[in-house]
Amino acid sequence: MAREHHLLTTPEAARILRLKPRTLEALRVQGTGPRYYKMGPGRMARVVYRRADLDAWVEQFSYSSTSEYDA
């Protein structure tokens, strides 16, 4: 499988983001975390992440000055 299509589990994605898996799960419920994919129908379907989506999520929090923060 090509690296850009490598799918990460919640613990793997959390490790990359330096978050706890439960934090990543909470962000998913709130709709504020990185884009994710459900591998099948229903609530119990496996959740996976792509590295590109993790990188894009982190990038939105990039600043060069404290004056750029939203109030």
N, C-alpha and C. Protein backbone atom coordinates (compact mmCIF):
# COMPACT_ATOMS: atom_id res chain seq x y z
N MET A 1 0.85 -1.19 0.00
CA MET A 1 0.00 0.00 0.00
C MET A 1 0.90 1.25 0.00
N ALA A 2 0.58 2.20 -0.85
CA ALA A 2 1.36 3.43 -0.93
C ALA A 2 1.28 4.19 0.39
N ARG A 3 2.35 4.85 0.74
CA ARG A 3 2.43 5.56 2.02
C ARG A 3 1.30 6.57 2.19
N GLU A 4 0.94 7.31 1.14
CA GLU A 4 -0.10 8.33 1.26
C GLU A 4 -1.48 7.72 1.51
N HIS A 5 -1.63 6.42 1.30
CA HIS A 5 -2.91 5.76 1.54
C HIS A 5 -2.88 4.88 2.79
N HIS A 6 -1.78 4.96 3.54
CA HIS A 6 -1.66 4.17 4.76
C HIS A 6 -2.70 4.64 5.77
N LEU A 7 -3.46 3.71 6.30
CA LEU A 7 -4.51 4.05 7.26
C LEU A 7 -4.01 3.82 8.67
N LEU A 8 -4.31 4.76 9.55
CA LEU A 8 -3.86 4.72 10.93
C LEU A 8 -5.03 4.48 11.87
N THR A 9 -4.83 3.67 12.87
CA THR A 9 -5.85 3.47 13.90
C THR A 9 -5.87 4.70 14.81
N THR A 10 -6.87 4.76 15.68
CA THR A 10 -6.95 5.87 16.62
C THR A 10 -5.71 5.95 17.50
N PRO A 11 -5.23 4.85 18.10
CA PRO A 11 -4.01 4.96 18.91
C PRO A 11 -2.79 5.41 18.11
N GLU A 12 -2.67 4.94 16.86
CA GLU A 12 -1.55 5.36 16.02
C GLU A 12 -1.63 6.84 15.70
N ALA A 13 -2.82 7.31 15.33
CA ALA A 13 -3.00 8.72 15.01
C ALA A 13 -2.76 9.58 16.25
N ALA A 14 -3.25 9.14 17.39
CA ALA A 14 -3.05 9.89 18.63
C ALA A 14 -1.57 10.00 18.96
N ARG A 15 -0.82 8.94 18.75
CA ARG A 15 0.62 8.96 19.01
C ARG A 15 1.31 10.00 18.13
N ILE A 16 0.94 10.05 16.85
CA ILE A 16 1.52 11.02 15.93
C ILE A 16 1.21 12.44 16.38
N LEU A 17 -0.02 12.67 16.82
CA LEU A 17 -0.45 14.01 17.25
C LEU A 17 -0.04 14.33 18.69
N ARG A 18 0.54 13.36 19.36
CA ARG A 18 0.95 13.50 20.76
C ARG A 18 -0.25 13.81 21.66
N LEU A 19 -1.34 13.10 21.39
CA LEU A 19 -2.57 13.19 22.18
C LEU A 19 -2.88 11.81 22.73
N LYS A 20 -3.74 11.77 23.73
CA LYS A 20 -4.24 10.48 24.20
C LYS A 20 -5.34 10.02 23.24
N PRO A 21 -5.47 8.72 23.03
CA PRO A 21 -6.54 8.23 22.16
C PRO A 21 -7.92 8.74 22.58
N ARG A 22 -8.18 8.83 23.87
CA ARG A 22 -9.48 9.31 24.35
C ARG A 22 -9.69 10.78 23.97
N THR A 23 -8.62 11.56 23.94
CA THR A 23 -8.74 12.96 23.51
C THR A 23 -9.11 13.01 22.04
N LEU A 24 -8.47 12.19 21.24
CA LEU A 24 -8.78 12.14 19.81
C LEU A 24 -10.22 11.68 19.59
N GLU A 25 -10.67 10.72 20.38
CA GLU A 25 -12.07 10.28 20.29
C GLU A 25 -13.03 11.41 20.66
N ALA A 26 -12.70 12.16 21.70
CA ALA A 26 -13.55 13.29 22.12
C ALA A 26 -13.60 14.35 21.03
N LEU A 27 -12.47 14.64 20.40
CA LEU A 27 -12.45 15.61 19.31
C LEU A 27 -13.32 15.14 18.14
N ARG A 28 -13.33 13.84 17.91
CA ARG A 28 -14.15 13.27 16.85
C ARG A 28 -15.63 13.47 17.16
N VAL A 29 -16.02 13.23 18.39
CA VAL A 29 -17.42 13.40 18.80
C VAL A 29 -17.83 14.87 18.69
N GLN A 30 -16.93 15.78 19.08
CA GLN A 30 -17.21 17.22 19.03
C GLN A 30 -17.18 17.76 17.60
N GLY A 31 -16.57 17.03 16.69
CA GLY A 31 -16.45 17.49 15.31
C GLY A 31 -15.33 18.49 15.11
N THR A 32 -14.37 18.52 16.04
CA THR A 32 -13.27 19.49 15.95
C THR A 32 -11.92 18.84 15.66
N GLY A 33 -11.91 17.53 15.52
CA GLY A 33 -10.66 16.81 15.27
C GLY A 33 -10.37 16.65 13.80
N PRO A 34 -9.32 15.90 13.49
CA PRO A 34 -8.96 15.66 12.09
C PRO A 34 -10.01 14.80 11.39
N ARG A 35 -10.05 14.90 10.08
CA ARG A 35 -10.95 14.09 9.27
C ARG A 35 -10.64 12.62 9.52
N TYR A 36 -11.69 11.81 9.56
CA TYR A 36 -11.52 10.38 9.79
C TYR A 36 -12.44 9.60 8.86
N TYR A 37 -12.26 8.30 8.83
CA TYR A 37 -13.01 7.43 7.95
C TYR A 37 -13.55 6.25 8.75
N LYS A 38 -14.76 5.82 8.45
CA LYS A 38 -15.37 4.66 9.08
C LYS A 38 -15.29 3.52 8.09
N MET A 39 -14.74 2.41 8.51
CA MET A 39 -14.55 1.25 7.65
C MET A 39 -15.74 0.32 7.79
N GLY A 40 -16.86 0.76 7.22
CA GLY A 40 -18.07 -0.03 7.26
C GLY A 40 -19.22 0.76 7.86
N PRO A 41 -20.42 0.18 7.83
CA PRO A 41 -21.59 0.86 8.36
C PRO A 41 -21.73 0.66 9.87
N GLY A 42 -22.48 1.53 10.47
CA GLY A 42 -22.83 1.35 11.88
C GLY A 42 -21.87 2.00 12.84
N ARG A 43 -22.31 2.04 14.09
CA ARG A 43 -21.53 2.69 15.15
C ARG A 43 -20.25 1.96 15.49
N MET A 44 -20.24 0.65 15.29
CA MET A 44 -19.08 -0.16 15.68
C MET A 44 -18.03 -0.31 14.57
N ALA A 45 -18.23 0.38 13.46
CA ALA A 45 -17.27 0.29 12.36
C ALA A 45 -15.92 0.87 12.80
N ARG A 46 -14.86 0.30 12.30
CA ARG A 46 -13.52 0.73 12.66
C ARG A 46 -13.26 2.14 12.13
N VAL A 47 -12.66 2.97 12.97
CA VAL A 47 -12.29 4.33 12.60
C VAL A 47 -10.82 4.35 12.22
N VAL A 48 -10.51 4.98 11.10
CA VAL A 48 -9.12 5.12 10.66
C VAL A 48 -8.87 6.55 10.19
N TYR A 49 -7.60 6.91 10.17
CA TYR A 49 -7.16 8.24 9.75
C TYR A 49 -6.10 8.11 8.68
N ARG A 50 -6.01 9.11 7.82
CA ARG A 50 -4.90 9.21 6.87
C ARG A 50 -3.92 10.25 7.40
N ARG A 51 -2.64 10.01 7.20
CA ARG A 51 -1.62 10.93 7.69
C ARG A 51 -1.81 12.33 7.11
N ALA A 52 -2.19 12.43 5.84
CA ALA A 52 -2.39 13.73 5.21
C ALA A 52 -3.48 14.52 5.94
N ASP A 53 -4.52 13.84 6.42
CA ASP A 53 -5.59 14.52 7.15
C ASP A 53 -5.12 14.99 8.52
N LEU A 54 -4.25 14.22 9.16
CA LEU A 54 -3.67 14.65 10.43
C LEU A 54 -2.82 15.90 10.23
N ASP A 55 -1.99 15.87 9.18
CA ASP A 55 -1.12 17.01 8.88
C ASP A 55 -1.95 18.26 8.56
N ALA A 56 -3.02 18.10 7.79
CA ALA A 56 -3.87 19.24 7.44
C ALA A 56 -4.54 19.81 8.68
N TRP A 57 -4.95 18.96 9.60
CA TRP A 57 -5.59 19.42 10.84
C TRP A 57 -4.61 20.21 11.68
N VAL A 58 -3.40 19.72 11.81
CA VAL A 58 -2.37 20.43 12.58
C VAL A 58 -2.05 21.77 11.93
N GLU A 59 -1.98 21.79 10.62
CA GLU A 59 -1.60 23.01 9.89
C GLU A 59 -2.55 24.16 10.17
N GLN A 60 -3.82 23.89 10.44
CA GLN A 60 -4.77 24.97 10.68
C GLN A 60 -4.47 25.71 11.99
N PHE A 61 -3.60 25.15 12.83
CA PHE A 61 -3.23 25.79 14.09
C PHE A 61 -1.85 26.43 14.02
N SER A 62 -1.39 26.72 12.83
CA SER A 62 -0.07 27.32 12.62
C SER A 62 -0.16 28.84 12.69
N TYR A 63 0.70 29.43 13.50
CA TYR A 63 0.73 30.89 13.66
C TYR A 63 2.17 31.36 13.61
N SER A 64 2.37 32.60 13.22
CA SER A 64 3.70 33.19 13.29
C SER A 64 3.75 34.30 14.31
N SER A 65 2.61 34.67 14.85
CA SER A 65 2.55 35.74 15.85
C SER A 65 1.32 35.53 16.74
N THR A 66 1.43 35.94 17.99
CA THR A 66 0.29 35.83 18.90
C THR A 66 -0.86 36.75 18.48
N SER A 67 -0.57 37.75 17.66
CA SER A 67 -1.63 38.64 17.19
C SER A 67 -2.55 37.96 16.17
N GLU A 68 -2.15 36.79 15.68
CA GLU A 68 -2.99 36.06 14.71
C GLU A 68 -4.08 35.24 15.36
N TYR A 69 -4.03 35.03 16.67
CA TYR A 69 -5.03 34.21 17.36
C TYR A 69 -6.39 34.86 17.25
N ASP A 70 -7.42 34.02 17.07
CA ASP A 70 -8.80 34.52 17.11
C ASP A 70 -9.14 34.82 18.57
N ALA A 71 -9.95 35.83 18.77
CA ALA A 71 -10.34 36.20 20.13
C ALA A 71 -11.31 35.22 20.71
